[in-house]
C-alpha atoms as a PDB file:
ATOM      1  CA  UNK A   1      89.273 -15.683  26.249  1.00  0.00           C
ATOM      2  CA  UNK A   2      90.432 -17.000  30.355  1.00  0.00           C
ATOM      3  CA  UNK A   3      88.662 -13.931  33.016  1.00  0.00           C
ATOM      4  CA  UNK A   4      88.962 -13.978  36.703  1.00  0.00           C
ATOM      5  CA  UNK A   5      85.932 -13.891  38.304  1.00  0.00           C
ATOM      6  CA  UNK A   6      86.362 -11.644  41.803  1.00  0.00           C
ATOM      7  CA  UNK A   7      84.439 -12.512  44.861  1.00  0.00           C
ATOM      8  CA  UNK A   8      80.771 -11.001  45.136  1.00  0.00           C
ATOM      9  CA  UNK A   9      80.762  -8.893  48.139  1.00  0.00           C
ATOM     10  CA  UNK A  10      77.588  -9.802  49.463  1.00  0.00           C
ATOM     11  CA  UNK A  11      76.201 -13.708  48.733  1.00  0.00           C
ATOM     12  CA  UNK A  12      72.958 -15.382  48.865  1.00  0.00           C
ATOM     13  CA  UNK A  13      73.592 -18.975  48.124  1.00  0.00           C
ATOM     14  CA  UNK A  14      70.775 -20.692  46.331  1.00  0.00           C
ATOM     15  CA  UNK A  15      69.798 -24.381  48.479  1.00  0.00           C
ATOM     16  CA  UNK A  16      68.569 -27.446  46.513  1.00  0.00           C
ATOM     17  CA  UNK A  17      65.454 -27.746  45.579  1.00  0.00           C
ATOM     18  CA  UNK A  18      65.366 -31.741  44.733  1.00  0.00           C
ATOM     19  CA  UNK A  19      68.255 -34.335  43.653  1.00  0.00           C
ATOM     20  CA  UNK A  20      67.406 -36.559  40.550  1.00  0.00           C
ATOM     21  CA  UNK A  21      69.646 -39.968  41.082  1.00  0.00           C
ATOM     22  CA  UNK A  22      71.475 -41.520  38.731  1.00  0.00           C
ATOM     23  CA  UNK A  23      68.722 -42.883  36.286  1.00  0.00           C
ATOM     24  CA  UNK A  24      68.579 -46.436  33.913  1.00  0.00           C
ATOM     25  CA  UNK A  25      70.300 -46.311  30.804  1.00  0.00           C
ATOM     26  CA  UNK A  26      68.468 -47.293  27.407  1.00  0.00           C
ATOM     27  CA  UNK A  27      68.976 -46.925  23.767  1.00  0.00           C
ATOM     28  CA  UNK A  28      68.099 -43.960  21.562  1.00  0.00           C
ATOM     29  CA  UNK A  29      68.122 -45.885  18.021  1.00  0.00           C
ATOM     30  CA  UNK A  30      71.304 -47.627  18.137  1.00  0.00           C
ATOM     31  CA  UNK A  31      73.992 -45.102  18.597  1.00  0.00           C
ATOM     32  CA  UNK A  32      73.190 -43.477  21.542  1.00  0.00           C
ATOM     33  CA  UNK A  33      72.781 -45.438  25.244  1.00  0.00           C
ATOM     34  CA  UNK A  34      71.860 -42.836  27.345  1.00  0.00           C
ATOM     35  CA  UNK A  35      70.984 -41.785  30.991  1.00  0.00           C
ATOM     36  CA  UNK A  36      67.444 -40.178  30.683  1.00  0.00           C
ATOM     37  CA  UNK A  37      68.669 -37.355  33.623  1.00  0.00           C
ATOM     38  CA  UNK A  38      65.241 -35.393  34.108  1.00  0.00           C
ATOM     39  CA  UNK A  39      63.560 -38.693  34.757  1.00  0.00           C
ATOM     40  CA  UNK A  40      59.777 -37.595  35.410  1.00  0.00           C
ATOM     41  CA  UNK A  41      60.273 -34.280  35.380  1.00  0.00           C
ATOM     42  CA  UNK A  42      61.084 -34.194  32.302  1.00  0.00           C
ATOM     43  CA  UNK A  43      58.486 -32.110  29.737  1.00  0.00           C
ATOM     44  CA  UNK A  44      57.322 -29.925  33.219  1.00  0.00           C
ATOM     45  CA  UNK A  45      57.538 -26.496  33.718  1.00  0.00           C
ATOM     46  CA  UNK A  46      60.136 -27.310  36.891  1.00  0.00           C
ATOM     47  CA  UNK A  47      62.942 -27.023  34.570  1.00  0.00           C
ATOM     48  CA  UNK A  48      62.171 -24.682  32.144  1.00  0.00           C
ATOM     49  CA  UNK A  49      63.075 -23.426  29.698  1.00  0.00           C
ATOM     50  CA  UNK A  50      64.628 -27.294  29.954  1.00  0.00           C
ATOM     51  CA  UNK A  51      62.251 -29.797  28.544  1.00  0.00           C
ATOM     52  CA  UNK A  52      64.711 -33.028  28.170  1.00  0.00           C
ATOM     53  CA  UNK A  53      68.417 -34.281  28.761  1.00  0.00           C
ATOM     54  CA  UNK A  54      69.972 -37.603  27.719  1.00  0.00           C
ATOM     55  CA  UNK A  55      73.254 -38.108  28.000  1.00  0.00           C
ATOM     56  CA  UNK A  56      75.592 -40.675  26.796  1.00  0.00           C
ATOM     57  CA  UNK A  57      78.410 -41.630  28.710  1.00  0.00           C
ATOM     58  CA  UNK A  58      81.556 -42.383  27.695  1.00  0.00           C
ATOM     59  CA  UNK A  59      81.384 -45.713  25.523  1.00  0.00           C
ATOM     60  CA  UNK A  60      83.866 -47.871  23.356  1.00  0.00           C
ATOM     61  CA  UNK A  61      82.493 -48.472  19.939  1.00  0.00           C
ATOM     62  CA  UNK A  62      83.952 -50.776  17.172  1.00  0.00           C
ATOM     63  CA  UNK A  63      84.619 -50.442  13.862  1.00  0.00           C
ATOM     64  CA  UNK A  64      81.867 -50.571  11.148  1.00  0.00           C
ATOM     65  CA  UNK A  65      82.372 -52.853   8.613  1.00  0.00           C
ATOM     66  CA  UNK A  66      79.158 -53.643   7.288  1.00  0.00           C
ATOM     67  CA  UNK A  67      78.847 -49.452   6.434  1.00  0.00           C
ATOM     68  CA  UNK A  68      75.651 -49.597   8.225  1.00  0.00           C
ATOM     69  CA  UNK A  69      76.438 -46.009  10.881  1.00  0.00           C
ATOM     70  CA  UNK A  70      74.698 -45.951  14.451  1.00  0.00           C
ATOM     71  CA  UNK A  71      72.432 -43.402  15.058  1.00  0.00           C
ATOM     72  CA  UNK A  72      68.565 -42.312  14.699  1.00  0.00           C
ATOM     73  CA  UNK A  73      67.150 -42.161  11.048  1.00  0.00           C
ATOM     74  CA  UNK A  74      64.478 -38.992  10.020  1.00  0.00           C
ATOM     75  CA  UNK A  75      62.278 -37.786  12.099  1.00  0.00           C
ATOM     76  CA  UNK A  76      60.638 -34.517  13.168  1.00  0.00           C
ATOM     77  CA  UNK A  77      60.787 -31.576  15.444  1.00  0.00           C
ATOM     78  CA  UNK A  78      58.097 -29.284  16.202  1.00  0.00           C
ATOM     79  CA  UNK A  79      58.392 -26.575  19.028  1.00  0.00           C
ATOM     80  CA  UNK A  80      61.494 -26.148  20.366  1.00  0.00           C
ATOM     81  CA  UNK A  81      65.551 -26.424  20.195  1.00  0.00           C
ATOM     82  CA  UNK A  82      68.040 -29.488  20.430  1.00  0.00           C
ATOM     83  CA  UNK A  83      71.170 -28.905  21.454  1.00  0.00           C
ATOM     84  CA  UNK A  84      73.557 -31.506  21.382  1.00  0.00           C
ATOM     85  CA  UNK A  85      77.211 -31.491  22.677  1.00  0.00           C
ATOM     86  CA  UNK A  86      79.859 -33.663  21.534  1.00  0.00           C
ATOM     87  CA  UNK A  87      82.935 -34.683  24.308  1.00  0.00           C
ATOM     88  CA  UNK A  88      84.175 -37.383  22.791  1.00  0.00           C
ATOM     89  CA  UNK A  89      83.847 -38.843  19.011  1.00  0.00           C
ATOM     90  CA  UNK A  90      81.719 -36.978  16.366  1.00  0.00           C
ATOM     91  CA  UNK A  91      78.240 -36.763  15.438  1.00  0.00           C
ATOM     92  CA  UNK A  92      76.774 -35.998  11.964  1.00  0.00           C
ATOM     93  CA  UNK A  93      73.474 -33.721  11.263  1.00  0.00           C
ATOM     94  CA  UNK A  94      71.207 -34.256   8.349  1.00  0.00           C
ATOM     95  CA  UNK A  95      67.723 -31.758   7.885  1.00  0.00           C
ATOM     96  CA  UNK A  96      64.857 -31.363   5.611  1.00  0.00           C
ATOM     97  CA  UNK A  97      66.539 -27.561   5.052  1.00  0.00           C
ATOM     98  CA  UNK A  98      69.565 -28.116   3.461  1.00  0.00           C
ATOM     99  CA  UNK A  99      72.145 -28.233   6.737  1.00  0.00           C
ATOM    100  CA  UNK A 100      74.629 -31.408   7.094  1.00  0.00           C
ATOM    101  CA  UNK A 101      77.492 -30.732   9.346  1.00  0.00           C
ATOM    102  CA  UNK A 102      79.799 -32.571  11.749  1.00  0.00           C
ATOM    103  CA  UNK A 103      80.499 -32.152  15.182  1.00  0.00           C
ATOM    104  CA  UNK A 104      84.176 -33.269  16.752  1.00  0.00           C
ATOM    105  CA  UNK A 105      84.862 -33.488  20.435  1.00  0.00           C
ATOM    106  CA  UNK A 106      83.895 -30.242  21.843  1.00  0.00           C
ATOM    107  CA  UNK A 107      81.590 -29.095  19.174  1.00  0.00           C
ATOM    108  CA  UNK A 108      78.006 -27.901  19.585  1.00  0.00           C
ATOM    109  CA  UNK A 109      74.987 -28.016  17.197  1.00  0.00           C
ATOM    110  CA  UNK A 110      72.080 -25.871  18.477  1.00  0.00           C
ATOM    111  CA  UNK A 111      69.059 -26.820  16.064  1.00  0.00           C
ATOM    112  CA  UNK A 112      65.828 -24.574  16.117  1.00  0.00           C
ATOM    113  CA  UNK A 113      63.069 -26.886  15.096  1.00  0.00           C
ATOM    114  CA  UNK A 114      60.372 -24.105  15.514  1.00  0.00           C
ATOM    115  CA  UNK A 115      57.725 -24.392  13.106  1.00  0.00           C
ATOM    116  CA  UNK A 116      59.315 -27.622  11.479  1.00  0.00           C
ATOM    117  CA  UNK A 117      61.774 -29.536  10.852  1.00  0.00           C
ATOM    118  CA  UNK A 118      62.859 -33.325  10.051  1.00  0.00           C
ATOM    119  CA  UNK A 119      66.538 -34.990  10.695  1.00  0.00           C
ATOM    120  CA  UNK A 120      68.897 -37.443  11.081  1.00  0.00           C
ATOM    121  CA  UNK A 121      71.525 -37.806  14.103  1.00  0.00           C
ATOM    122  CA  UNK A 122      74.810 -40.503  13.104  1.00  0.00           C
ATOM    123  CA  UNK A 123      78.161 -41.312  14.392  1.00  0.00           C
ATOM    124  CA  UNK A 124      80.291 -39.843  11.724  1.00  0.00           C
ATOM    125  CA  UNK A 125      81.374 -41.952   8.626  1.00  0.00           C
ATOM    126  CA  UNK A 126      85.458 -41.341  10.282  1.00  0.00           C
ATOM    127  CA  UNK A 127      84.226 -42.588  13.416  1.00  0.00           C
ATOM    128  CA  UNK A 128      82.150 -45.215  12.497  1.00  0.00           C
ATOM    129  CA  UNK A 129      84.937 -46.652  10.415  1.00  0.00           C
ATOM    130  CA  UNK A 130      87.221 -46.260  13.229  1.00  0.00           C
ATOM    131  CA  UNK A 131      85.822 -46.581  15.912  1.00  0.00           C
ATOM    132  CA  UNK A 132      86.411 -45.219  19.734  1.00  0.00           C
ATOM    133  CA  UNK A 133      84.980 -43.426  22.943  1.00  0.00           C
ATOM    134  CA  UNK A 134      81.974 -42.227  22.507  1.00  0.00           C
ATOM    135  CA  UNK A 135      80.276 -38.834  24.465  1.00  0.00           C
ATOM    136  CA  UNK A 136      78.154 -36.625  24.258  1.00  0.00           C
ATOM    137  CA  UNK A 137      74.426 -35.337  25.276  1.00  0.00           C
ATOM    138  CA  UNK A 138      71.365 -33.553  24.154  1.00  0.00           C
ATOM    139  CA  UNK A 139      68.960 -31.078  26.029  1.00  0.00           C
ATOM    140  CA  UNK A 140      65.735 -30.010  24.351  1.00  0.00           C
ATOM    141  CA  UNK A 141      64.936 -26.012  25.391  1.00  0.00           C
ATOM    142  CA  UNK A 142      61.559 -24.788  25.072  1.00  0.00           C
ATOM    143  CA  UNK A 143      60.614 -22.161  22.866  1.00  0.00           C
ATOM    144  CA  UNK A 144      58.191 -19.605  24.512  1.00  0.00           C
ATOM    145  CA  UNK A 145      54.993 -19.474  22.641  1.00  0.00           C
ATOM    146  CA  UNK A 146      55.469 -16.806  20.491  1.00  0.00           C
ATOM    147  CA  UNK A 147      58.063 -18.216  18.788  1.00  0.00           C
ATOM    148  CA  UNK A 148      57.621 -21.995  18.513  1.00  0.00           C
ATOM    149  CA  UNK A 149      56.451 -21.530  14.908  1.00  0.00           C
ATOM    150  CA  UNK A 150      59.458 -19.661  13.671  1.00  0.00           C
ATOM    151  CA  UNK A 151      61.461 -20.547  10.315  1.00  0.00           C
ATOM    152  CA  UNK A 152      63.455 -23.738  11.396  1.00  0.00           C
ATOM    153  CA  UNK A 153      67.382 -22.792  12.048  1.00  0.00           C
ATOM    154  CA  UNK A 154      70.912 -24.722  12.244  1.00  0.00           C
ATOM    155  CA  UNK A 155      73.663 -22.956  14.582  1.00  0.00           C
ATOM    156  CA  UNK A 156      77.269 -24.917  14.185  1.00  0.00           C
ATOM    157  CA  UNK A 157      79.028 -23.895  17.509  1.00  0.00           C
ATOM    158  CA  UNK A 158      82.578 -24.942  17.332  1.00  0.00           C
ATOM    159  CA  UNK A 159      84.979 -25.692  20.677  1.00  0.00           C
ATOM    160  CA  UNK A 160      86.987 -22.934  19.377  1.00  0.00           C
ATOM    161  CA  UNK A 161      84.534 -20.227  19.356  1.00  0.00           C
ATOM    162  CA  UNK A 162      83.315 -21.379  22.895  1.00  0.00           C
ATOM    163  CA  UNK A 163      84.694 -18.740  25.229  1.00  0.00           C
ATOM    164  CA  UNK A 164      86.513 -19.774  27.904  1.00  0.00           C
ATOM    165  CA  UNK A 165      86.154 -18.343  31.565  1.00  0.00           C
ATOM    166  CA  UNK A 166      88.821 -19.053  34.691  1.00  0.00           C
ATOM    167  CA  UNK A 167      87.092 -19.451  37.810  1.00  0.00           C
ATOM    168  CA  UNK A 168      89.535 -18.791  41.311  1.00  0.00           C
ATOM    169  CA  UNK A 169      88.683 -21.270  44.055  1.00  0.00           C
ATOM    170  CA  UNK A 170      86.839 -19.923  46.747  1.00  0.00           C
ATOM    171  CA  UNK A 171      89.431 -18.371  49.536  1.00  0.00           C
ATOM    172  CA  UNK A 172      92.322 -18.616  47.039  1.00  0.00           C
ATOM    173  CA  UNK A 173      94.264 -15.424  45.938  1.00  0.00           C
ATOM    174  CA  UNK A 174      94.723 -15.339  42.047  1.00  0.00           C
ATOM    175  CA  UNK A 175      98.338 -15.387  41.561  1.00  0.00           C
ATOM    176  CA  UNK A 176      98.871 -18.316  44.103  1.00  0.00           C
ATOM    177  CA  UNK A 177      95.796 -20.719  43.244  1.00  0.00           C
ATOM    178  CA  UNK A 178      96.107 -21.078  39.301  1.00  0.00           C
ATOM    179  CA  UNK A 179      97.448 -24.842  39.503  1.00  0.00           C
ATOM    180  CA  UNK A 180      93.805 -24.929  40.913  1.00  0.00           C
ATOM    181  CA  UNK A 181      91.393 -22.692  38.915  1.00  0.00           C
ATOM    182  CA  UNK A 182      88.280 -24.083  37.498  1.00  0.00           C
ATOM    183  CA  UNK A 183      87.379 -23.610  33.861  1.00  0.00           C
ATOM    184  CA  UNK A 184      83.774 -22.391  32.185  1.00  0.00           C
ATOM    185  CA  UNK A 185      82.884 -23.025  28.640  1.00  0.00           C
ATOM    186  CA  UNK A 186      80.404 -20.433  28.475  1.00  0.00           C
ATOM    187  CA  UNK A 187      77.521 -22.329  25.628  1.00  0.00           C
ATOM    188  CA  UNK A 188      75.050 -20.000  26.436  1.00  0.00           C
ATOM    189  CA  UNK A 189      74.369 -16.595  28.864  1.00  0.00           C
ATOM    190  CA  UNK A 190      77.017 -14.631  29.933  1.00  0.00           C
ATOM    191  CA  UNK A 191      79.438 -15.514  32.819  1.00  0.00           C
ATOM    192  CA  UNK A 192      81.537 -12.764  34.511  1.00  0.00           C
ATOM    193  CA  UNK A 193      80.462 -10.577  31.539  1.00  0.00           C
ATOM    194  CA  UNK A 194      81.706 -13.092  29.147  1.00  0.00           C
ATOM    195  CA  UNK A 195      79.063 -14.268  26.528  1.00  0.00           C
ATOM    196  CA  UNK A 196      78.380 -18.005  25.072  1.00  0.00           C
ATOM    197  CA  UNK A 197      77.593 -17.734  21.224  1.00  0.00           C
ATOM    198  CA  UNK A 198      74.699 -19.432  21.391  1.00  0.00           C
ATOM    199  CA  UNK A 199      71.753 -17.598  19.988  1.00  0.00           C
ATOM    200  CA  UNK A 200      68.561 -18.184  22.411  1.00  0.00           C
ATOM    201  CA  UNK A 201      64.940 -16.886  21.466  1.00  0.00           C
ATOM    202  CA  UNK A 202      64.263 -16.952  25.752  1.00  0.00           C
ATOM    203  CA  UNK A 203      67.418 -16.106  28.422  1.00  0.00           C
ATOM    204  CA  UNK A 204      69.262 -19.393  28.429  1.00  0.00           C
ATOM    205  CA  UNK A 205      72.319 -20.246  31.098  1.00  0.00           C
ATOM    206  CA  UNK A 206      74.524 -23.537  29.405  1.00  0.00           C
ATOM    207  CA  UNK A 207      78.141 -23.606  31.275  1.00  0.00           C
ATOM    208  CA  UNK A 208      80.658 -26.726  30.867  1.00  0.00           C
ATOM    209  CA  UNK A 209      82.488 -26.732  34.267  1.00  0.00           C
ATOM    210  CA  UNK A 210      85.685 -28.232  34.919  1.00  0.00           C
ATOM    211  CA  UNK A 211      87.216 -28.472  38.375  1.00  0.00           C
ATOM    212  CA  UNK A 212      90.298 -30.543  38.096  1.00  0.00           C
ATOM    213  CA  UNK A 213      91.747 -30.414  41.798  1.00  0.00           C
ATOM    214  CA  UNK A 214      89.771 -32.830  44.623  1.00  0.00           C
ATOM    215  CA  UNK A 215      88.020 -30.247  47.534  1.00  0.00           C
ATOM    216  CA  UNK A 216      88.503 -27.577  45.488  1.00  0.00           C
ATOM    217  CA  UNK A 217      85.452 -24.606  45.790  1.00  0.00           C
ATOM    218  CA  UNK A 218      83.907 -22.699  43.527  1.00  0.00           C
ATOM    219  CA  UNK A 219      81.184 -19.461  43.387  1.00  0.00           C
ATOM    220  CA  UNK A 220      78.921 -19.641  40.442  1.00  0.00           C
ATOM    221  CA  UNK A 221      76.866 -16.433  39.959  1.00  0.00           C
ATOM    222  CA  UNK A 222      73.748 -16.979  38.419  1.00  0.00           C
ATOM    223  CA  UNK A 223      70.663 -14.406  38.053  1.00  0.00           C
ATOM    224  CA  UNK A 224      68.005 -14.385  40.462  1.00  0.00           C
ATOM    225  CA  UNK A 225      64.693 -15.889  39.629  1.00  0.00           C
ATOM    226  CA  UNK A 226      66.424 -17.959  37.056  1.00  0.00           C
ATOM    227  CA  UNK A 227      66.219 -21.680  37.207  1.00  0.00           C
ATOM    228  CA  UNK A 228      69.522 -23.333  37.356  1.00  0.00           C
ATOM    229  CA  UNK A 229      70.396 -27.190  37.641  1.00  0.00           C
ATOM    230  CA  UNK A 230      73.799 -28.772  37.924  1.00  0.00           C
ATOM    231  CA  UNK A 231      74.428 -31.831  36.559  1.00  0.00           C
ATOM    232  CA  UNK A 232      77.270 -34.327  36.973  1.00  0.00           C
ATOM    233  CA  UNK A 233      78.974 -35.579  34.482  1.00  0.00           C
ATOM    234  CA  UNK A 234      81.889 -37.117  35.614  1.00  0.00           C
ATOM    235  CA  UNK A 235      83.536 -37.092  39.535  1.00  0.00           C
ATOM    236  CA  UNK A 236      81.254 -35.803  42.101  1.00  0.00           C
ATOM    237  CA  UNK A 237      81.139 -32.770  44.274  1.00  0.00           C
ATOM    238  CA  UNK A 238      79.135 -31.390  46.669  1.00  0.00           C
ATOM    239  CA  UNK A 239      76.191 -28.185  46.861  1.00  0.00           C
ATOM    240  CA  UNK A 240      77.184 -26.092  49.853  1.00  0.00           C
ATOM    241  CA  UNK A 241      74.748 -23.576  50.850  1.00  0.00           C
ATOM    242  CA  UNK A 242      75.864 -20.567  53.635  1.00  0.00           C
ATOM    243  CA  UNK A 243      79.900 -19.672  55.000  1.00  0.00           C
ATOM    244  CA  UNK A 244      81.331 -20.794  58.608  1.00  0.00           C
ATOM    245  CA  UNK A 245      79.094 -22.238  60.992  1.00  0.00           C
ATOM    246  CA  UNK A 246      75.939 -22.015  59.287  1.00  0.00           C
ATOM    247  CA  UNK A 247      77.110 -23.839  56.494  1.00  0.00           C
ATOM    248  CA  UNK A 248      75.537 -26.938  54.963  1.00  0.00           C
ATOM    249  CA  UNK A 249      76.248 -29.312  52.033  1.00  0.00           C
ATOM    250  CA  UNK A 250      74.636 -32.079  49.877  1.00  0.00           C
ATOM    251  CA  UNK A 251      76.010 -34.281  47.331  1.00  0.00           C
ATOM    252  CA  UNK A 252      75.505 -35.311  43.771  1.00  0.00           C
ATOM    253  CA  UNK A 253      77.160 -38.333  42.143  1.00  0.00           C
ATOM    254  CA  UNK A 254      77.811 -39.286  39.094  1.00  0.00           C
ATOM    255  CA  UNK A 255      74.897 -38.550  36.374  1.00  0.00           C
ATOM    256  CA  UNK A 256      72.715 -37.036  39.431  1.00  0.00           C
ATOM    257  CA  UNK A 257      70.787 -33.704  38.896  1.00  0.00           C
ATOM    258  CA  UNK A 258      70.333 -31.002  41.653  1.00  0.00           C
ATOM    259  CA  UNK A 259      67.611 -28.945  40.774  1.00  0.00           C
ATOM    260  CA  UNK A 260      68.357 -25.244  42.689  1.00  0.00           C
ATOM    261  CA  UNK A 261      65.715 -23.265  44.245  1.00  0.00           C
ATOM    262  CA  UNK A 262      64.982 -19.845  42.137  1.00  0.00           C
ATOM    263  CA  UNK A 263      66.225 -17.878  44.938  1.00  0.00           C
ATOM    264  CA  UNK A 264      69.844 -16.968  45.305  1.00  0.00           C
ATOM    265  CA  UNK A 265      72.426 -15.624  43.354  1.00  0.00           C
ATOM    266  CA  UNK A 266      75.094 -17.664  43.786  1.00  0.00           C
ATOM    267  CA  UNK A 267      75.821 -21.511  43.525  1.00  0.00           C
ATOM    268  CA  UNK A 268      78.785 -22.878  45.374  1.00  0.00           C
ATOM    269  CA  UNK A 269      80.127 -26.342  44.365  1.00  0.00           C
ATOM    270  CA  UNK A 270      83.189 -28.168  46.148  1.00  0.00           C
ATOM    271  CA  UNK A 271      84.524 -31.188  43.847  1.00  0.00           C
ATOM    272  CA  UNK A 272      84.772 -34.051  45.884  1.00  0.00           C
ATOM    273  CA  UNK A 273      86.969 -36.128  43.124  1.00  0.00           C
ATOM    274  CA  UNK A 274      89.552 -35.010  40.706  1.00  0.00           C
ATOM    275  CA  UNK A 275      89.246 -33.918  37.219  1.00  0.00           C
ATOM    276  CA  UNK A 276      85.316 -32.854  38.184  1.00  0.00           C
ATOM    277  CA  UNK A 277      83.144 -32.739  35.242  1.00  0.00           C
ATOM    278  CA  UNK A 278      80.014 -30.565  35.635  1.00  0.00           C
ATOM    279  CA  UNK A 279      77.124 -29.254  33.130  1.00  0.00           C
ATOM    280  CA  UNK A 280      75.460 -26.165  34.338  1.00  0.00           C
ATOM    281  CA  UNK A 281      71.589 -25.111  32.533  1.00  0.00           C
ATOM    282  CA  UNK A 282      69.151 -22.426  33.359  1.00  0.00           C
ATOM    283  CA  UNK A 283      67.542 -19.720  32.100  1.00  0.00           C
ATOM    284  CA  UNK A 284      64.454 -17.408  32.693  1.00  0.00           C
ATOM    285  CA  UNK A 285      61.371 -19.448  33.427  1.00  0.00           C
ATOM    286  CA  UNK A 286      58.792 -20.062  30.441  1.00  0.00           C
ATOM    287  CA  UNK A 287      55.972 -20.456  32.670  1.00  0.00           C
ATOM    288  CA  UNK A 288      53.530 -21.621  30.015  1.00  0.00           C
ATOM    289  CA  UNK A 289      51.213 -24.780  29.074  1.00  0.00           C
ATOM    290  CA  UNK A 290      53.126 -27.701  28.120  1.00  0.00           C
ATOM    291  CA  UNK A 291      51.605 -30.284  25.522  1.00  0.00           C
ATOM    292  CA  UNK A 292      54.467 -32.783  24.709  1.00  0.00           C
ATOM    293  CA  UNK A 293      53.665 -35.636  22.617  1.00  0.00           C
ATOM    294  CA  UNK A 294      56.777 -37.431  21.322  1.00  0.00           C
ATOM    295  CA  UNK A 295      58.836 -35.488  19.152  1.00  0.00           C
ATOM    296  CA  UNK A 296      56.660 -32.450  19.463  1.00  0.00           C
ATOM    297  CA  UNK A 297      56.306 -29.770  21.938  1.00  0.00           C
ATOM    298  CA  UNK A 298      53.481 -27.166  21.733  1.00  0.00           C
ATOM    299  CA  UNK A 299      51.142 -25.243  24.431  1.00  0.00           C
ATOM    300  CA  UNK A 300      48.049 -26.997  23.365  1.00  0.00           C
ATOM    301  CA  UNK A 301      46.668 -30.606  22.404  1.00  0.00           C
ATOM    302  CA  UNK A 302      45.002 -28.943  19.348  1.00  0.00           C
ATOM    303  CA  UNK A 303      48.758 -27.980  18.541  1.00  0.00           C
ATOM    304  CA  UNK A 304      49.933 -31.105  18.938  1.00  0.00           C
ATOM    305  CA  UNK A 305      47.036 -32.681  16.782  1.00  0.00           C
ATOM    306  CA  UNK A 306      48.169 -29.887  13.739  1.00  0.00           C
ATOM    307  CA  UNK A 307      51.891 -30.994  14.059  1.00  0.00           C
ATOM    308  CA  UNK A 308      50.431 -34.786  13.178  1.00  0.00           C
ATOM    309  CA  UNK A 309      48.716 -33.567  10.302  1.00  0.00           C
ATOM    310  CA  UNK A 310      51.590 -30.859   8.922  1.00  0.00           C
ATOM    311  CA  UNK A 311      54.038 -33.709   9.248  1.00  0.00           C
ATOM    312  CA  UNK A 312      51.983 -36.202   7.580  1.00  0.00           C
ATOM    313  CA  UNK A 313      50.952 -34.036   4.928  1.00  0.00           C
ATOM    314  CA  UNK A 314      54.561 -33.109   3.761  1.00  0.00           C
ATOM    315  CA  UNK A 315      54.428 -29.586   5.754  1.00  0.00           C
ATOM    316  CA  UNK A 316      57.916 -29.879   7.775  1.00  0.00           C
ATOM    317  CA  UNK A 317      60.978 -28.574   6.502  1.00  0.00           C
ATOM    318  CA  UNK A 318      60.413 -25.627   4.698  1.00  0.00           C
END
């Protein structure tokens, strides 16, 4: 579904609170060479409801001939959700409650660990044998205290089921500038009346923005009071605050991320390179204590200890 967004009559622009630069890459298992995008702010309420963000930029993998797939073997989680987006290549998921699935380019898997799950993530058999370009990201989304022990579940979200909203560029007529329009895949939350397919336990926005033309400017409405995080996946952009002579801007480069102020209802983005790709994350802050250690995210350290005991006792994945 494609909908053109009308300009807001009265705009309050969001300013940048902080820019995190591109971080050094590291390996997760032997299949995911990632930027830890949130750096030292991961697992803090600065980013709530998001906790962690790993981005694997496009990388060529040779075909595997020995039958050993690349990825991460069985490991547990409790107290949050993992969201994996496959941009290029394929990711295969298997977990302790019986889910087994392959997500392909453009697909999303939204896994609720809840009270406990054990899963594994690998390059798919097909991708492993063929090789090719691999690009993906994984986000961890916190669960409110009241939902941390919810039963685990799995949402496979196919690319064909993710609605697309068309945005007009600022200062253009819809009809005259269709070739310059940006598009947004609405994975979670709502944009211009279009709702994403992901079911969430608290208000969450997850939007995949594509701006093909350099110097195009788009306005994205964002709920006042929600956290807003703007990640440069490819290309580069500026965040613009204000209009006319009061206007100011800040540049955001590849694999950097802008954390926006919570006040304001418009995020204005100007592409400074062609084919700029932006991932926009946000939501209503949960604002509860965060106790995070390894694969568990709870509210207290006693709950973390209990998670370790339950895992060792075989009580996960039921």
